[in-house]
Amino acid sequence: MVVTETAASAVVTLYDKIDITNSEELGRRLAELCAAGVKEITLDFSHVCHIDCSGLGKILFTQRKLREAQGGLRIINVHSAFLKRLFALIQLEKVLPLE
């Protein structure tokens, strides 16, 4: 995970898979960004091929926290066919922007 941060926003570039083995780290880092006053977080999925429910949970929890703080979270660069199907199936685009 690589984080590029400015005063009120951050881009988090994720790699390989997001699952039970690393979702706690993701959740912790996203919580740190929120606590530091970051209002807009972009998750770059260009290198992600898989996500499980633990990873989705961390993302949705963070999105809710940011929305409560008048901020937001979006996902960009989804290239994996698996992720595209999964996000369509759970209608993730109704909850947060997918670009």
Foldseek 3Di string as FASTA:
>chain_A
DDWDDDQAEIEAEDAEEAEPVCLVVVLVVLVVCVVSRHLEYEYECQHYAYYDPSNVVSVLVSQVSSVVVVGGYEYENDDHPVVVVVCVVVVVCVVHYYD
